[in-house]
C-alpha cells in the first residue's frame, strides 16, 4: 500500500516540478521583454510608420491602395518582427539562463515553446492589434480587415518559431542579425502569399488560404520547438 502511494506521488511531484519550471521560464521571459520595452515600442512604431508611408508615396488611388494594402501590412509586420528576434535568446545566452534550461530535467522543447510563445504574445500580438488602424489609409472594408487580422493571427506564430530557430542558430555569430534576416526572410514567402492573398478573395478562396495557414501553424507548434531546442543545445554546448 505504501509503495503504491509513493509510486502515485512521484508523477504528481514531477508534474508539479514541471509547472514550476514553466512558470519560471514565463516570468523570466516577461521580465526580459519588460527590460526591452523600448525596443518593442520601436518595432511597433516601425510597423505603423512603414505601412503608413506607402499611401503617401503611391497617391490617393483607392483601388490600387486596396490591392496593395494587405501585402504592405504583411511585409511591415514581418520586418518589424525581425527587428525583435535577435534579443530573444541573446541575453539569456550571456547570463547563463539558457544553460540552466538545457540542464533542466524537463523537456527543453517544452521550455522553448513556452519561451517563444511568451515572446511572441508580448512582441507580436500588438502588431495584430495595431493593424486595424491601417484600414483607413488603405480603404480596407470590414470584411477584408477581418480576413487580414485572422491571417496575421495564424501566420505570426509560424514566423515566431521560424525566427526562434534561426535566432538560436546564430547565437554568438558576428553580424548575427543580418544572418538571421537572410535565414528567415525566404521562409516567410508562403506566409506572405497566403496571408496577403486571402484578403479580398471569394469566401472559398479565403477559407482555403486560412486553412493552409492554420495547418502551417499547427505543424510549426508541433515540430519547430524541437528544432529550437536542438539549436539552443548546440549553442550552449558549442
Protein backbone atom coordinates (compact mmCIF):
# COMPACT_ATOMS: atom_id res chain seq x y z
CA UNK A 1 0.00 0.00 0.00
CA UNK A 2 2.75 2.40 0.96
CA UNK A 3 4.71 1.56 -2.20
CA UNK A 4 1.69 2.18 -4.41
CA UNK A 5 1.05 5.55 -2.73
CA UNK A 6 4.69 6.52 -3.22
CA UNK A 7 4.57 5.39 -6.88
CA UNK A 8 1.48 7.55 -7.43
CA UNK A 9 3.01 10.54 -5.69
CA UNK A 10 6.14 10.53 -7.88
CA UNK A 11 4.37 11.55 -11.13
CA UNK A 12 2.48 14.21 -9.20
CA UNK A 13 5.74 15.66 -7.90
CA UNK A 14 7.23 15.59 -11.40
CA UNK A 15 4.16 17.34 -12.81
CA UNK A 16 4.30 19.98 -10.09
CA UNK A 17 8.01 20.48 -10.75
CA UNK A 18 7.35 20.87 -14.46
CA UNK A 19 4.70 23.52 -13.83
CA UNK A 20 7.08 25.38 -11.54
CA UNK A 21 9.79 25.30 -14.22
CA UNK A 22 7.37 26.55 -16.87
CA UNK A 23 6.29 29.34 -14.54
CA UNK A 24 9.92 30.33 -14.02
CA UNK A 25 10.51 30.46 -17.77
CA UNK A 26 7.35 32.52 -18.24
CA UNK A 27 8.29 35.05 -15.56
CA UNK A 28 11.86 35.32 -16.80
CA UNK A 29 10.69 35.90 -20.37
CA UNK A 30 8.21 38.57 -19.28
CA UNK A 31 10.94 40.29 -17.25
CA UNK A 32 13.29 40.15 -20.24
CA UNK A 33 10.66 41.68 -22.51
CA UNK A 34 9.98 44.40 -19.95
CA UNK A 35 13.67 45.33 -19.97
CA UNK A 36 13.47 45.55 -23.75
CA UNK A 37 10.22 47.54 -23.82
CA UNK A 38 11.88 50.43 -25.67
CA UNK A 39 12.96 48.06 -28.46
CA UNK A 40 9.47 46.59 -28.63
CA UNK A 41 7.86 50.03 -28.82
CA UNK A 42 10.31 50.96 -31.59
CA UNK A 43 9.29 47.83 -33.55
CA UNK A 44 5.60 48.66 -33.19
CA UNK A 45 6.20 52.25 -34.32
CA UNK A 46 8.28 50.95 -37.23
CA UNK A 47 5.36 48.76 -38.30
CA UNK A 48 2.93 51.69 -38.28
CA UNK A 49 5.28 54.16 -39.95
CA UNK A 50 6.38 51.82 -42.75
CA UNK A 51 2.83 50.74 -43.54
CA UNK A 52 1.52 54.32 -43.35
CA UNK A 53 4.17 55.74 -45.71
CA UNK A 54 3.09 53.72 -48.73
CA UNK A 55 -0.24 55.52 -49.29
CA UNK A 56 1.65 58.82 -49.21
CA UNK A 57 4.12 57.60 -51.82
CA UNK A 58 1.58 55.94 -54.12
CA UNK A 59 -1.04 58.67 -54.00
CA UNK A 60 -4.80 58.69 -53.43
CA UNK A 61 -5.79 55.86 -55.75
CA UNK A 62 -8.34 53.78 -53.79
CA UNK A 63 -8.30 50.67 -55.97
CA UNK A 64 -4.51 50.47 -56.04
CA UNK A 65 -4.27 51.03 -52.28
CA UNK A 66 -6.86 48.33 -51.59
CA UNK A 67 -4.92 45.84 -53.72
CA UNK A 68 -1.51 46.59 -52.24
CA UNK A 69 -2.60 47.27 -48.65
CA UNK A 70 -2.66 43.68 -47.31
CA UNK A 71 0.74 42.91 -48.82
CA UNK A 72 2.30 46.07 -47.42
CA UNK A 73 0.89 45.41 -43.95
CA UNK A 74 2.17 41.83 -44.02
CA UNK A 75 5.65 42.87 -45.15
CA UNK A 76 5.77 45.60 -42.48
CA UNK A 77 4.75 43.05 -39.83
CA UNK A 78 7.47 40.62 -40.94
CA UNK A 79 10.14 43.33 -40.92
CA UNK A 80 9.03 44.58 -37.51
CA UNK A 81 9.17 41.02 -36.19
CA UNK A 82 12.70 40.55 -37.49
CA UNK A 83 13.73 43.62 -35.52
CA UNK A 84 12.75 41.97 -32.23
CA UNK A 85 14.15 38.48 -32.87
CA UNK A 86 17.90 39.00 -32.20
CA UNK A 87 17.31 39.70 -28.49
CA UNK A 88 15.05 36.72 -27.77
CA UNK A 89 17.91 34.41 -26.81
CA UNK A 90 20.98 36.65 -26.67
CA UNK A 91 20.58 37.96 -23.12
CA UNK A 92 19.65 34.52 -21.73
CA UNK A 93 22.64 33.02 -23.53
CA UNK A 94 25.01 35.57 -22.00
CA UNK A 95 23.76 35.32 -18.40
CA UNK A 96 23.62 31.52 -18.36
CA UNK A 97 19.83 31.15 -18.31
CA UNK A 98 19.84 29.01 -21.46
CA UNK A 99 22.43 26.73 -19.92
CA UNK A 100 20.17 26.19 -16.91
CA UNK A 101 17.31 25.33 -19.25
CA UNK A 102 19.47 22.81 -21.10
CA UNK A 103 20.45 21.19 -17.78
CA UNK A 104 16.83 21.09 -16.58
CA UNK A 105 15.30 17.61 -16.19
CA UNK A 106 12.23 18.78 -18.08
CA UNK A 107 11.90 18.63 -21.90
CA UNK A 108 13.84 21.51 -23.41
CA UNK A 109 11.41 21.69 -26.33
CA UNK A 110 8.54 22.41 -23.94
CA UNK A 111 10.53 25.12 -22.17
CA UNK A 112 11.41 26.67 -25.54
CA UNK A 113 7.78 26.56 -26.64
CA UNK A 114 6.71 28.49 -23.54
CA UNK A 115 9.54 30.97 -24.01
CA UNK A 116 8.81 31.57 -27.70
CA UNK A 117 5.05 31.77 -27.11
CA UNK A 118 5.55 34.38 -24.40
CA UNK A 119 7.93 36.40 -26.57
CA UNK A 120 5.51 36.20 -29.47
CA UNK A 121 2.47 37.18 -27.43
CA UNK A 122 4.20 40.22 -25.94
CA UNK A 123 6.11 41.32 -29.04
CA UNK A 124 3.86 40.43 -31.96
CA UNK A 125 0.24 40.47 -30.77
CA UNK A 126 0.39 44.28 -30.55
CA UNK A 127 1.11 44.29 -34.29
CA UNK A 128 -2.18 42.47 -34.87
CA UNK A 129 -3.96 44.90 -32.56
CA UNK A 130 -2.46 47.88 -34.39
CA UNK A 131 -3.22 46.58 -37.90
CA UNK A 132 -6.87 47.83 -37.93
CA UNK A 133 -5.51 51.37 -37.67
CA UNK A 134 -4.20 50.93 -41.21
CA UNK A 135 -7.60 50.06 -42.65
CA UNK A 136 -8.45 53.73 -43.18
CA UNK A 137 -5.44 54.84 -45.30
CA UNK A 138 -5.75 51.72 -47.47
CA UNK A 139 -9.52 51.84 -47.69
CA UNK A 140 -9.98 48.26 -46.47
CA UNK A 141 -13.51 47.10 -45.78
CA UNK A 142 -14.56 45.48 -42.52
CA UNK A 143 -14.64 42.01 -44.11
CA UNK A 144 -11.17 42.49 -45.61
CA UNK A 145 -9.86 43.64 -42.24
CA UNK A 146 -11.27 40.54 -40.53
CA UNK A 147 -9.51 38.28 -43.04
CA UNK A 148 -6.27 40.26 -42.66
CA UNK A 149 -6.32 40.00 -38.86
CA UNK A 150 -7.19 36.28 -38.99
CA UNK A 151 -4.29 35.66 -41.35
CA UNK A 152 -1.88 37.57 -39.11
CA UNK A 153 -3.04 35.62 -36.05
CA UNK A 154 -2.38 32.33 -37.86
CA UNK A 155 0.83 33.35 -39.60
CA UNK A 156 2.72 35.16 -36.87
CA UNK A 157 3.13 32.02 -34.67
CA UNK A 158 4.85 30.33 -37.61
CA UNK A 159 7.06 33.38 -38.06
CA UNK A 160 7.86 33.37 -34.32
CA UNK A 161 9.01 29.75 -34.33
CA UNK A 162 10.97 30.06 -37.58
CA UNK A 163 12.66 33.16 -36.17
CA UNK A 164 13.38 31.37 -32.92
CA UNK A 165 15.13 28.52 -34.75
CA UNK A 166 17.22 30.98 -36.77
CA UNK A 167 17.90 33.13 -33.71
CA UNK A 168 19.20 30.15 -31.76
CA UNK A 169 21.38 29.07 -34.69
CA UNK A 170 23.13 32.45 -34.95
CA UNK A 171 23.83 32.84 -31.23
CA UNK A 172 27.37 34.11 -30.81
CA UNK A 173 27.82 34.70 -34.53
CA UNK A 174 29.19 38.06 -35.60
CA UNK A 175 26.63 40.03 -37.65
CA UNK A 176 24.05 37.56 -36.40
CA UNK A 177 21.14 39.96 -37.00
CA UNK A 178 21.95 40.18 -40.72
CA UNK A 179 22.33 36.42 -40.99
CA UNK A 180 19.08 35.97 -39.08
CA UNK A 181 17.23 38.12 -41.62
CA UNK A 182 18.78 36.20 -44.53
CA UNK A 183 17.68 32.91 -42.98
CA UNK A 184 14.13 33.92 -42.10
CA UNK A 185 13.02 36.16 -44.96
CA UNK A 186 12.94 33.45 -47.69
CA UNK A 187 10.90 31.23 -45.37
CA UNK A 188 8.23 33.90 -44.99
CA UNK A 189 7.22 33.80 -48.67
CA UNK A 190 4.44 31.19 -48.18
CA UNK A 191 3.06 33.20 -45.26
CA UNK A 192 3.02 36.39 -47.30
CA UNK A 193 1.40 34.71 -50.30
CA UNK A 194 -1.31 33.01 -48.26
CA UNK A 195 -1.94 35.80 -45.74
CA UNK A 196 -2.00 38.77 -48.09
CA UNK A 197 -3.54 36.78 -50.94
CA UNK A 198 -6.58 35.83 -48.88
CA UNK A 199 -7.78 39.43 -48.49
CA UNK A 200 -10.44 40.48 -50.96
CA UNK A 201 -11.00 36.98 -52.34
CA UNK A 202 -14.23 34.93 -52.55
CA UNK A 203 -15.17 33.05 -49.35
CA UNK A 204 -13.98 29.66 -50.64
CA UNK A 205 -10.55 31.09 -51.51
CA UNK A 206 -10.33 32.81 -48.12
CA UNK A 207 -11.21 29.54 -46.36
CA UNK A 208 -8.56 27.66 -48.34
CA UNK A 209 -5.83 30.20 -47.56
CA UNK A 210 -6.68 30.40 -43.88
CA UNK A 211 -6.88 26.61 -43.64
CA UNK A 212 -3.37 26.31 -45.07
CA UNK A 213 -2.11 28.94 -42.63
CA UNK A 214 -3.76 27.06 -39.76
CA UNK A 215 -2.13 23.80 -40.90
CA UNK A 216 1.25 25.52 -41.09
CA UNK A 217 0.75 26.95 -37.60
CA UNK A 218 -0.16 23.52 -36.21
CA UNK A 219 2.87 21.88 -37.83
CA UNK A 220 5.11 24.66 -36.54
CA UNK A 221 3.84 24.35 -32.96
CA UNK A 222 4.29 20.57 -33.02
CA UNK A 223 7.65 20.33 -34.77
CA UNK A 224 9.65 23.53 -34.51
CA UNK A 225 10.09 23.64 -30.69
CA UNK A 226 12.28 20.55 -31.06
CA UNK A 227 14.37 22.37 -33.67
CA UNK A 228 14.66 25.39 -31.36
CA UNK A 229 15.73 23.12 -28.51
CA UNK A 230 18.39 21.42 -30.66
CA UNK A 231 19.75 24.78 -31.84
CA UNK A 232 19.87 26.11 -28.27
CA UNK A 233 21.63 22.96 -27.06
CA UNK A 234 24.25 23.30 -29.82
CA UNK A 235 24.81 26.96 -28.93
CA UNK A 236 25.22 26.20 -25.24
CA UNK A 237 27.40 23.12 -25.64
CA UNK A 238 29.43 24.55 -28.52
